[in-house]
Amino acid sequence: MLQFTVDPAREPDGASLRRLLEAHVVCERMASAKRASLHLLAVVGIVVWLGAAWPSLISAQLLDAALALWALLLFLAILATVEEWLWQRKVARYRAEQQRKSA
């Protein structure tokens, strides 16, 4: 759990706390984007698997579109994972900065 103490004498506008909370929100958005892309990746993966297991079940055009969508979702999942990691680092840095100021 995050706990904050803001000293108005040191920081009247609360800029460091605002930076921390904004970074935390962006980090959570990236985590949500990663989860959503991974779930969609699994659903599209089922379609690709069905097309590979039973070629007569799914048309070649639909299978090609599913493969392209799968590749795009994989790229988005990787991108969201990297972004989440970068924002987690920022949150950790801002949290340490906030703790130093409150100590």
N, C-alpha and C. Protein backbone atom coordinates (compact mmCIF):
# COMPACT_ATOMS: atom_id res chain seq x y z
N MET A 1 0.84 -1.17 0.00
CA MET A 1 0.00 0.00 0.00
C MET A 1 0.89 1.23 0.00
N LEU A 2 0.53 2.21 -0.81
CA LEU A 2 1.28 3.45 -0.87
C LEU A 2 0.78 4.40 0.21
N GLN A 3 1.71 5.02 0.89
CA GLN A 3 1.37 6.03 1.88
C GLN A 3 2.21 7.26 1.58
N PHE A 4 1.57 8.42 1.64
CA PHE A 4 2.25 9.65 1.32
C PHE A 4 2.06 10.66 2.43
N THR A 5 3.11 11.39 2.68
CA THR A 5 3.01 12.54 3.56
C THR A 5 3.52 13.72 2.76
N VAL A 6 2.72 14.74 2.67
CA VAL A 6 3.10 15.91 1.91
C VAL A 6 3.30 17.07 2.87
N ASP A 7 4.47 17.63 2.82
CA ASP A 7 4.79 18.78 3.65
C ASP A 7 4.59 20.04 2.80
N PRO A 8 3.54 20.80 3.08
CA PRO A 8 3.27 22.00 2.27
C PRO A 8 4.40 23.03 2.33
N ALA A 9 5.18 23.01 3.40
CA ALA A 9 6.28 23.96 3.51
C ALA A 9 7.38 23.64 2.50
N ARG A 10 7.64 22.35 2.27
CA ARG A 10 8.69 21.94 1.32
C ARG A 10 8.21 21.97 -0.12
N GLU A 11 6.96 21.58 -0.30
CA GLU A 11 6.44 21.48 -1.66
C GLU A 11 4.98 21.93 -1.68
N PRO A 12 4.75 23.21 -1.86
CA PRO A 12 3.38 23.71 -1.77
C PRO A 12 2.46 23.23 -2.89
N ASP A 13 2.99 22.96 -4.07
CA ASP A 13 2.14 22.55 -5.19
C ASP A 13 1.99 21.03 -5.32
N GLY A 14 2.78 20.24 -4.58
CA GLY A 14 2.67 18.78 -4.62
C GLY A 14 3.11 18.16 -5.93
N ALA A 15 4.09 18.75 -6.59
CA ALA A 15 4.52 18.29 -7.92
C ALA A 15 5.09 16.88 -7.89
N SER A 16 5.87 16.55 -6.89
CA SER A 16 6.48 15.21 -6.87
C SER A 16 5.42 14.13 -6.63
N LEU A 17 4.45 14.44 -5.78
CA LEU A 17 3.36 13.49 -5.55
C LEU A 17 2.53 13.33 -6.82
N ARG A 18 2.29 14.41 -7.52
CA ARG A 18 1.54 14.36 -8.77
C ARG A 18 2.28 13.50 -9.80
N ARG A 19 3.61 13.69 -9.91
CA ARG A 19 4.41 12.88 -10.84
C ARG A 19 4.30 11.41 -10.50
N LEU A 20 4.39 11.10 -9.22
CA LEU A 20 4.31 9.71 -8.78
C LEU A 20 2.95 9.10 -9.12
N LEU A 21 1.89 9.81 -8.83
CA LEU A 21 0.56 9.27 -9.09
C LEU A 21 0.28 9.14 -10.59
N GLU A 22 0.74 10.11 -11.38
CA GLU A 22 0.57 10.01 -12.83
C GLU A 22 1.35 8.84 -13.40
N ALA A 23 2.57 8.62 -12.92
CA ALA A 23 3.37 7.49 -13.38
C ALA A 23 2.70 6.17 -12.99
N HIS A 24 2.12 6.14 -11.81
CA HIS A 24 1.44 4.93 -11.35
C HIS A 24 0.22 4.63 -12.24
N VAL A 25 -0.53 5.66 -12.59
CA VAL A 25 -1.70 5.47 -13.46
C VAL A 25 -1.28 4.97 -14.83
N VAL A 26 -0.24 5.54 -15.40
CA VAL A 26 0.23 5.10 -16.72
C VAL A 26 0.73 3.66 -16.65
N CYS A 27 1.42 3.33 -15.57
CA CYS A 27 1.92 1.96 -15.38
C CYS A 27 0.75 0.97 -15.34
N GLU A 28 -0.30 1.32 -14.64
CA GLU A 28 -1.47 0.44 -14.57
C GLU A 28 -2.17 0.33 -15.92
N ARG A 29 -2.20 1.41 -16.68
CA ARG A 29 -2.78 1.36 -18.03
C ARG A 29 -1.98 0.43 -18.93
N MET A 30 -0.67 0.48 -18.81
CA MET A 30 0.18 -0.40 -19.62
C MET A 30 -0.02 -1.86 -19.21
N ALA A 31 -0.18 -2.10 -17.93
CA ALA A 31 -0.44 -3.47 -17.46
C ALA A 31 -1.78 -3.96 -17.99
N SER A 32 -2.76 -3.08 -18.01
CA SER A 32 -4.07 -3.45 -18.54
C SER A 32 -4.01 -3.70 -20.04
N ALA A 33 -3.27 -2.88 -20.76
CA ALA A 33 -3.11 -3.08 -22.20
C ALA A 33 -2.40 -4.40 -22.48
N LYS A 34 -1.42 -4.72 -21.66
CA LYS A 34 -0.70 -5.99 -21.83
C LYS A 34 -1.64 -7.17 -21.61
N ARG A 35 -2.42 -7.11 -20.54
CA ARG A 35 -3.36 -8.20 -20.27
C ARG A 35 -4.38 -8.36 -21.38
N ALA A 36 -4.92 -7.25 -21.86
CA ALA A 36 -5.91 -7.31 -22.94
C ALA A 36 -5.31 -7.88 -24.21
N SER A 37 -4.11 -7.45 -24.56
CA SER A 37 -3.48 -7.96 -25.78
C SER A 37 -3.14 -9.44 -25.64
N LEU A 38 -2.75 -9.88 -24.46
CA LEU A 38 -2.46 -11.30 -24.26
C LEU A 38 -3.73 -12.15 -24.35
N HIS A 39 -4.84 -11.64 -23.82
CA HIS A 39 -6.09 -12.38 -23.93
C HIS A 39 -6.55 -12.47 -25.39
N LEU A 40 -6.46 -11.35 -26.11
CA LEU A 40 -6.82 -11.38 -27.52
C LEU A 40 -5.87 -12.26 -28.33
N LEU A 41 -4.61 -12.26 -27.94
CA LEU A 41 -3.62 -13.12 -28.59
C LEU A 41 -4.00 -14.58 -28.43
N ALA A 42 -4.49 -14.95 -27.27
CA ALA A 42 -4.91 -16.33 -27.02
C ALA A 42 -6.13 -16.69 -27.87
N VAL A 43 -7.08 -15.77 -27.97
CA VAL A 43 -8.29 -16.04 -28.75
C VAL A 43 -7.95 -16.19 -30.23
N VAL A 44 -7.13 -15.29 -30.75
CA VAL A 44 -6.74 -15.39 -32.15
C VAL A 44 -5.86 -16.62 -32.36
N GLY A 45 -5.08 -16.97 -31.37
CA GLY A 45 -4.26 -18.18 -31.45
C GLY A 45 -5.10 -19.43 -31.61
N ILE A 46 -6.26 -19.45 -30.98
CA ILE A 46 -7.16 -20.59 -31.14
C ILE A 46 -7.63 -20.70 -32.59
N VAL A 47 -7.96 -19.56 -33.19
CA VAL A 47 -8.38 -19.57 -34.60
C VAL A 47 -7.24 -20.06 -35.49
N VAL A 48 -6.03 -19.59 -35.23
CA VAL A 48 -4.87 -20.03 -36.02
C VAL A 48 -4.64 -21.52 -35.81
N TRP A 49 -4.75 -21.99 -34.59
CA TRP A 49 -4.56 -23.42 -34.31
C TRP A 49 -5.61 -24.26 -35.02
N LEU A 50 -6.86 -23.81 -34.98
CA LEU A 50 -7.92 -24.54 -35.68
C LEU A 50 -7.66 -24.59 -37.18
N GLY A 51 -7.19 -23.48 -37.73
CA GLY A 51 -6.87 -23.44 -39.16
C GLY A 51 -5.70 -24.34 -39.52
N ALA A 52 -4.76 -24.48 -38.61
CA ALA A 52 -3.61 -25.37 -38.87
C ALA A 52 -3.99 -26.83 -38.67
N ALA A 53 -4.83 -27.12 -37.69
CA ALA A 53 -5.22 -28.50 -37.41
C ALA A 53 -6.21 -29.03 -38.46
N TRP A 54 -7.15 -28.18 -38.85
CA TRP A 54 -8.15 -28.58 -39.85
C TRP A 54 -8.21 -27.51 -40.93
N PRO A 55 -7.37 -27.65 -41.96
CA PRO A 55 -7.31 -26.62 -43.01
C PRO A 55 -8.63 -26.39 -43.74
N SER A 56 -9.47 -27.39 -43.80
CA SER A 56 -10.74 -27.22 -44.51
C SER A 56 -11.76 -26.44 -43.66
N LEU A 57 -11.50 -26.27 -42.38
CA LEU A 57 -12.44 -25.59 -41.48
C LEU A 57 -12.45 -24.07 -41.69
N ILE A 58 -11.28 -23.49 -41.94
CA ILE A 58 -11.15 -22.03 -42.06
C ILE A 58 -10.54 -21.72 -43.42
N SER A 59 -11.09 -20.71 -44.10
CA SER A 59 -10.58 -20.35 -45.42
C SER A 59 -9.16 -19.78 -45.32
N ALA A 60 -8.44 -19.84 -46.40
CA ALA A 60 -7.05 -19.36 -46.42
C ALA A 60 -6.99 -17.86 -46.17
N GLN A 61 -7.95 -17.10 -46.68
CA GLN A 61 -7.96 -15.66 -46.46
C GLN A 61 -8.18 -15.32 -44.98
N LEU A 62 -9.09 -16.03 -44.35
CA LEU A 62 -9.34 -15.79 -42.93
C LEU A 62 -8.13 -16.21 -42.09
N LEU A 63 -7.49 -17.29 -42.47
CA LEU A 63 -6.30 -17.74 -41.75
C LEU A 63 -5.16 -16.74 -41.90
N ASP A 64 -5.00 -16.20 -43.12
CA ASP A 64 -3.97 -15.17 -43.32
C ASP A 64 -4.26 -13.92 -42.48
N ALA A 65 -5.50 -13.52 -42.44
CA ALA A 65 -5.88 -12.35 -41.63
C ALA A 65 -5.66 -12.64 -40.15
N ALA A 66 -5.99 -13.84 -39.71
CA ALA A 66 -5.79 -14.21 -38.31
C ALA A 66 -4.30 -14.23 -37.96
N LEU A 67 -3.47 -14.70 -38.86
CA LEU A 67 -2.03 -14.71 -38.61
C LEU A 67 -1.48 -13.29 -38.54
N ALA A 68 -1.95 -12.42 -39.41
CA ALA A 68 -1.51 -11.02 -39.37
C ALA A 68 -1.96 -10.35 -38.07
N LEU A 69 -3.19 -10.61 -37.68
CA LEU A 69 -3.69 -10.06 -36.42
C LEU A 69 -2.92 -10.62 -35.24
N TRP A 70 -2.59 -11.89 -35.27
CA TRP A 70 -1.82 -12.51 -34.19
C TRP A 70 -0.45 -11.85 -34.07
N ALA A 71 0.20 -11.61 -35.22
CA ALA A 71 1.52 -10.95 -35.20
C ALA A 71 1.41 -9.54 -34.64
N LEU A 72 0.36 -8.81 -35.04
CA LEU A 72 0.16 -7.45 -34.52
C LEU A 72 -0.08 -7.47 -33.01
N LEU A 73 -0.89 -8.39 -32.55
CA LEU A 73 -1.16 -8.48 -31.11
C LEU A 73 0.09 -8.88 -30.34
N LEU A 74 0.91 -9.73 -30.90
CA LEU A 74 2.17 -10.10 -30.25
C LEU A 74 3.07 -8.87 -30.11
N PHE A 75 3.15 -8.07 -31.19
CA PHE A 75 3.95 -6.85 -31.14
C PHE A 75 3.41 -5.90 -30.07
N LEU A 76 2.09 -5.73 -30.02
CA LEU A 76 1.49 -4.85 -29.02
C LEU A 76 1.73 -5.36 -27.60
N ALA A 77 1.67 -6.67 -27.41
CA ALA A 77 1.93 -7.24 -26.08
C ALA A 77 3.37 -6.98 -25.65
N ILE A 78 4.29 -7.15 -26.58
CA ILE A 78 5.70 -6.89 -26.26
C ILE A 78 5.91 -5.41 -25.96
N LEU A 79 5.32 -4.55 -26.77
CA LEU A 79 5.44 -3.11 -26.57
C LEU A 79 4.85 -2.69 -25.22
N ALA A 80 3.68 -3.21 -24.90
CA ALA A 80 3.05 -2.87 -23.61
C ALA A 80 3.88 -3.39 -22.44
N THR A 81 4.50 -4.55 -22.59
CA THR A 81 5.34 -5.11 -21.53
C THR A 81 6.56 -4.22 -21.28
N VAL A 82 7.19 -3.77 -22.36
CA VAL A 82 8.36 -2.90 -22.21
C VAL A 82 7.94 -1.56 -21.59
N GLU A 83 6.84 -1.00 -22.07
CA GLU A 83 6.36 0.27 -21.51
C GLU A 83 6.01 0.12 -20.03
N GLU A 84 5.36 -0.97 -19.68
CA GLU A 84 5.02 -1.20 -18.27
C GLU A 84 6.28 -1.27 -17.42
N TRP A 85 7.28 -1.96 -17.90
CA TRP A 85 8.54 -2.09 -17.17
C TRP A 85 9.19 -0.71 -16.98
N LEU A 86 9.20 0.10 -18.04
CA LEU A 86 9.80 1.43 -17.94
C LEU A 86 9.04 2.30 -16.93
N TRP A 87 7.72 2.23 -16.96
CA TRP A 87 6.93 3.03 -16.02
C TRP A 87 7.05 2.50 -14.60
N GLN A 88 7.22 1.20 -14.43
CA GLN A 88 7.46 0.66 -13.08
C GLN A 88 8.75 1.22 -12.50
N ARG A 89 9.75 1.35 -13.34
CA ARG A 89 11.01 1.92 -12.89
C ARG A 89 10.83 3.38 -12.47
N LYS A 90 10.03 4.13 -13.27
CA LYS A 90 9.76 5.52 -12.91
C LYS A 90 9.00 5.60 -11.60
N VAL A 91 8.01 4.74 -11.41
CA VAL A 91 7.25 4.74 -10.16
C VAL A 91 8.17 4.46 -8.98
N ALA A 92 9.06 3.49 -9.13
CA ALA A 92 9.99 3.16 -8.05
C ALA A 92 10.91 4.35 -7.75
N ARG A 93 11.38 5.01 -8.80
CA ARG A 93 12.25 6.17 -8.61
C ARG A 93 11.51 7.31 -7.93
N TYR A 94 10.28 7.60 -8.38
CA TYR A 94 9.49 8.68 -7.78
C TYR A 94 9.10 8.34 -6.35
N ARG A 95 8.83 7.06 -6.07
CA ARG A 95 8.47 6.65 -4.71
C ARG A 95 9.67 6.85 -3.77
N ALA A 96 10.86 6.47 -4.24
CA ALA A 96 12.07 6.67 -3.42
C ALA A 96 12.32 8.16 -3.20
N GLU A 97 12.09 8.95 -4.23
CA GLU A 97 12.24 10.40 -4.10
C GLU A 97 11.25 10.97 -3.09
N GLN A 98 10.04 10.49 -3.12
CA GLN A 98 9.00 10.94 -2.20
C GLN A 98 9.35 10.55 -0.77
N GLN A 99 9.89 9.34 -0.59
CA GLN A 99 10.26 8.90 0.75
C GLN A 99 11.43 9.68 1.31
N ARG A 100 12.37 10.04 0.43
CA ARG A 100 13.50 10.87 0.88
C ARG A 100 13.03 12.23 1.35
N LYS A 101 12.03 12.78 0.66
CA LYS A 101 11.54 14.10 1.04
C LYS A 101 10.76 14.06 2.35
N SER A 102 10.09 12.92 2.60
CA SER A 102 9.30 12.85 3.83
C SER A 102 10.13 12.47 5.04
N ALA A 103 11.32 11.97 4.81
CA ALA A 103 12.17 11.55 5.94
C ALA A 103 12.91 12.71 6.57
